[in-house]
Protein backbone atom coordinates (compact mmCIF):
# COMPACT_ATOMS: atom_id res chain seq x y z
CA UNK A 1 123.41 181.15 85.48
CA UNK A 2 121.35 183.26 84.32
CA UNK A 3 117.60 181.93 84.31
CA UNK A 4 119.16 181.13 88.49
CA UNK A 5 119.93 184.86 88.86
CA UNK A 6 116.41 185.79 87.62
CA UNK A 7 114.63 183.58 89.69
CA UNK A 8 116.40 184.69 92.65
CA UNK A 9 116.05 188.42 91.96
CA UNK A 10 112.40 187.63 91.73
CA UNK A 11 111.96 185.44 94.62
CA UNK A 12 113.61 188.53 96.24
CA UNK A 13 111.57 191.43 94.69
CA UNK A 14 108.72 189.02 95.84
CA UNK A 15 109.70 188.28 99.50
CA UNK A 16 111.08 192.46 100.08
CA UNK A 17 107.14 193.72 98.12
CA UNK A 18 105.48 191.08 100.63
CA UNK A 19 107.20 192.74 103.74
CA UNK A 20 105.76 195.87 102.49
CA UNK A 21 102.33 194.71 102.08
CA UNK A 22 101.97 193.36 105.60
CA UNK A 23 103.03 195.95 107.05
CA UNK A 24 100.95 198.31 105.69
CA UNK A 25 97.42 196.57 106.86
CA UNK A 26 96.14 199.13 109.03
CA UNK A 27 92.98 197.37 109.91
CA UNK A 28 91.03 195.04 111.95
CA UNK A 29 92.91 192.57 112.47
CA UNK A 30 93.35 190.64 109.24
CA UNK A 31 96.27 191.72 106.15
CA UNK A 32 96.90 194.38 103.63
CA UNK A 33 94.99 191.89 101.06
CA UNK A 34 91.36 191.22 103.10
CA UNK A 35 90.06 188.22 100.48
CA UNK A 36 88.56 187.21 97.20
CA UNK A 37 89.42 188.53 94.08
CA UNK A 38 89.40 192.29 92.61
CA UNK A 39 88.31 192.50 89.23
CA UNK A 40 91.22 194.37 87.03
CA UNK A 41 90.03 196.60 84.36
CA UNK A 42 92.04 197.56 80.89
CA UNK A 43 93.01 201.04 79.99
CA UNK A 44 90.87 202.92 77.26
CA UNK A 45 92.34 203.04 73.72
CA UNK A 46 90.28 205.91 72.96
CA UNK A 47 91.59 209.68 72.84
CA UNK A 48 89.14 210.55 75.10
CA UNK A 49 90.24 207.78 77.96
CA UNK A 50 94.28 206.91 76.68
CA UNK A 51 95.79 207.36 79.80
CA UNK A 52 98.03 209.76 80.71
CA UNK A 53 101.18 208.28 79.53
CA UNK A 54 100.54 209.08 76.30
CA UNK A 55 99.77 212.83 76.96
CA UNK A 56 102.20 213.85 79.03
CA UNK A 57 99.67 214.64 82.05
CA UNK A 58 100.81 213.30 84.96
CA UNK A 59 96.70 212.06 85.85
CA UNK A 60 94.19 211.02 82.85
CA UNK A 61 91.55 208.95 82.80
CA UNK A 62 90.67 204.93 81.42
CA UNK A 63 87.71 203.01 80.86
CA UNK A 64 86.82 200.03 84.09
CA UNK A 65 84.70 197.76 85.08
CA UNK A 66 84.55 200.27 87.90
CA UNK A 67 83.16 203.29 85.27
CA UNK A 68 86.04 205.91 83.89
CA UNK A 69 88.64 205.79 86.08
CA UNK A 70 92.09 208.09 86.91
CA UNK A 71 94.98 206.71 86.03
CA UNK A 72 99.11 207.87 86.87
CA UNK A 73 101.27 208.75 83.61
CA UNK A 74 101.76 204.78 83.23
CA UNK A 75 98.41 204.47 83.04
CA UNK A 76 98.57 202.82 86.85
CA UNK A 77 94.64 203.29 88.92
CA UNK A 78 94.74 206.49 91.58
CA UNK A 79 93.78 205.53 94.78
CA UNK A 80 92.72 207.53 97.82
CA UNK A 81 93.34 206.91 101.29
CA UNK A 82 90.70 206.59 103.90
CA UNK A 83 93.10 207.86 106.53
CA UNK A 84 93.87 211.28 104.66
CA UNK A 85 92.19 214.67 106.03
CA UNK A 86 90.41 216.85 102.61
CA UNK A 87 92.49 219.78 102.63
CA UNK A 88 94.97 219.10 105.29
CA UNK A 89 97.87 218.98 103.26
CA UNK A 90 99.54 215.65 104.24
CA UNK A 91 99.42 211.96 103.86
CA UNK A 92 98.66 210.04 106.41
CA UNK A 93 100.80 206.99 104.63
CA UNK A 94 104.53 206.72 105.74
CA UNK A 95 107.02 204.16 105.93
CA UNK A 96 105.74 200.84 105.19
CA UNK A 97 102.38 202.05 104.01
CA UNK A 98 104.08 204.33 101.70
CA UNK A 99 106.11 201.66 100.07
CA UNK A 100 102.90 199.65 99.49
CA UNK A 101 101.06 202.68 98.21
CA UNK A 102 103.73 204.75 96.27
CA UNK A 103 102.68 208.79 96.10
CA UNK A 104 101.65 209.61 92.42
CA UNK A 105 104.49 212.42 91.54
CA UNK A 106 104.15 215.92 89.87
CA UNK A 107 107.01 217.17 87.96
CA UNK A 108 105.51 220.64 88.75
CA UNK A 109 103.02 222.75 91.07
CA UNK A 110 100.53 222.52 89.01
CA UNK A 111 100.05 219.36 87.20
CA UNK A 112 99.11 218.90 83.65
CA UNK A 113 95.43 216.19 83.90
CA UNK A 114 94.15 215.21 80.54
CA UNK A 115 89.64 214.26 81.35
CA UNK A 116 89.71 215.13 84.73
CA UNK A 117 87.48 217.43 86.40
CA UNK A 118 88.42 217.56 90.37
CA UNK A 119 90.41 219.91 91.01
CA UNK A 120 94.43 219.04 90.99
CA UNK A 121 96.97 220.26 92.69
CA UNK A 122 100.22 219.32 95.29
CA UNK A 123 101.21 219.04 98.25
CA UNK A 124 104.44 217.90 99.42
CA UNK A 125 104.82 214.49 100.19
CA UNK A 126 106.04 212.15 103.06
CA UNK A 127 109.21 211.51 101.02
CA UNK A 128 110.08 215.23 100.54
CA UNK A 129 108.82 215.30 96.12
CA UNK A 130 105.52 216.98 95.17
CA UNK A 131 102.44 214.63 95.31
CA UNK A 132 99.64 214.97 93.44
CA UNK A 133 96.24 215.73 95.29
CA UNK A 134 92.52 215.54 93.81
CA UNK A 135 90.39 217.47 95.57
CA UNK A 136 92.84 218.12 98.21
CA UNK A 137 93.31 214.02 98.95
CA UNK A 138 96.61 213.02 97.91
CA UNK A 139 96.58 210.19 95.55
CA UNK A 140 98.24 206.79 94.82
CA UNK A 141 99.01 204.20 93.26
CA UNK A 142 99.11 200.22 94.51
CA UNK A 143 101.95 198.17 94.42
CA UNK A 144 99.84 195.14 94.28
CA UNK A 145 98.60 196.18 90.43
CA UNK A 146 101.10 195.11 88.44
CA UNK A 147 100.00 196.69 84.92
CA UNK A 148 97.84 199.06 83.67
CA UNK A 149 94.14 198.76 83.99
CA UNK A 150 94.77 196.31 87.98
CA UNK A 151 92.09 197.68 90.26
CA UNK A 152 93.36 195.49 92.86
CA UNK A 153 93.93 197.64 95.61
CA UNK A 154 89.82 199.00 95.52
CA UNK A 155 88.52 198.67 99.04
CA UNK A 156 91.33 197.12 100.90
CA UNK A 157 90.98 197.49 104.44
CA UNK A 158 87.87 199.69 103.67
CA UNK A 159 90.36 202.61 103.26
CA UNK A 160 91.76 202.57 99.31
CA UNK A 161 89.11 203.53 97.18
CA UNK A 162 89.65 204.13 93.43
CA UNK A 163 89.45 207.66 92.01
CA UNK A 164 86.67 209.13 89.74
CA UNK A 165 87.60 211.56 87.11
CA UNK A 166 84.96 213.83 89.37
CA UNK A 167 87.25 213.28 92.53
CA UNK A 168 84.92 211.48 93.65
CA UNK A 169 85.80 207.68 95.67
CA UNK A 170 84.34 204.71 93.34
CA UNK A 171 83.07 202.27 96.12
CA UNK A 172 81.39 199.37 94.20
CA UNK A 173 80.38 196.93 97.12
CA UNK A 174 81.19 194.08 94.69
CA UNK A 175 85.09 194.80 94.50
CA UNK A 176 85.64 195.36 98.31
CA UNK A 177 87.27 193.21 100.54
CA UNK A 178 87.86 194.02 103.87
CA UNK A 179 89.77 192.32 107.09
CA UNK A 180 87.62 191.27 110.13
């Protein structure tokens, strides 16, 4: 009975996630995933690169195949959305998009960071909670990343980019996926 219940829950969660991700394509044709396999990263185990899950910080850094990247408090990769406007104080990712690309939340208006050199702040996110910003741009994680170090959202629809500690977008042609 337990095995059947676990299988049913797994199928249900996968179906809901798939439906949410399919509705967030926002690109020209195709779907959310673009195509091809995306590389993964491993969180660093050094004190400088340890994810913020160990430090209590909202954001920290980790080493990856894309170089040093920003991660959230659970060591999950952090992304920018190309449709957000820097300094606008708002997020353009709503509804099904927000389900697939959850906002990185902060406990206070002045989130703690470790290793991030860019300016970090907050806005009121679409869910009414404080959402972390890096250089005035809201940041997100990706529901398709299932473990710390995953970077499967990199380049999705040429709109989602991993964030570097200095606040720049990491755009690596080898990991980009587009939907044409």
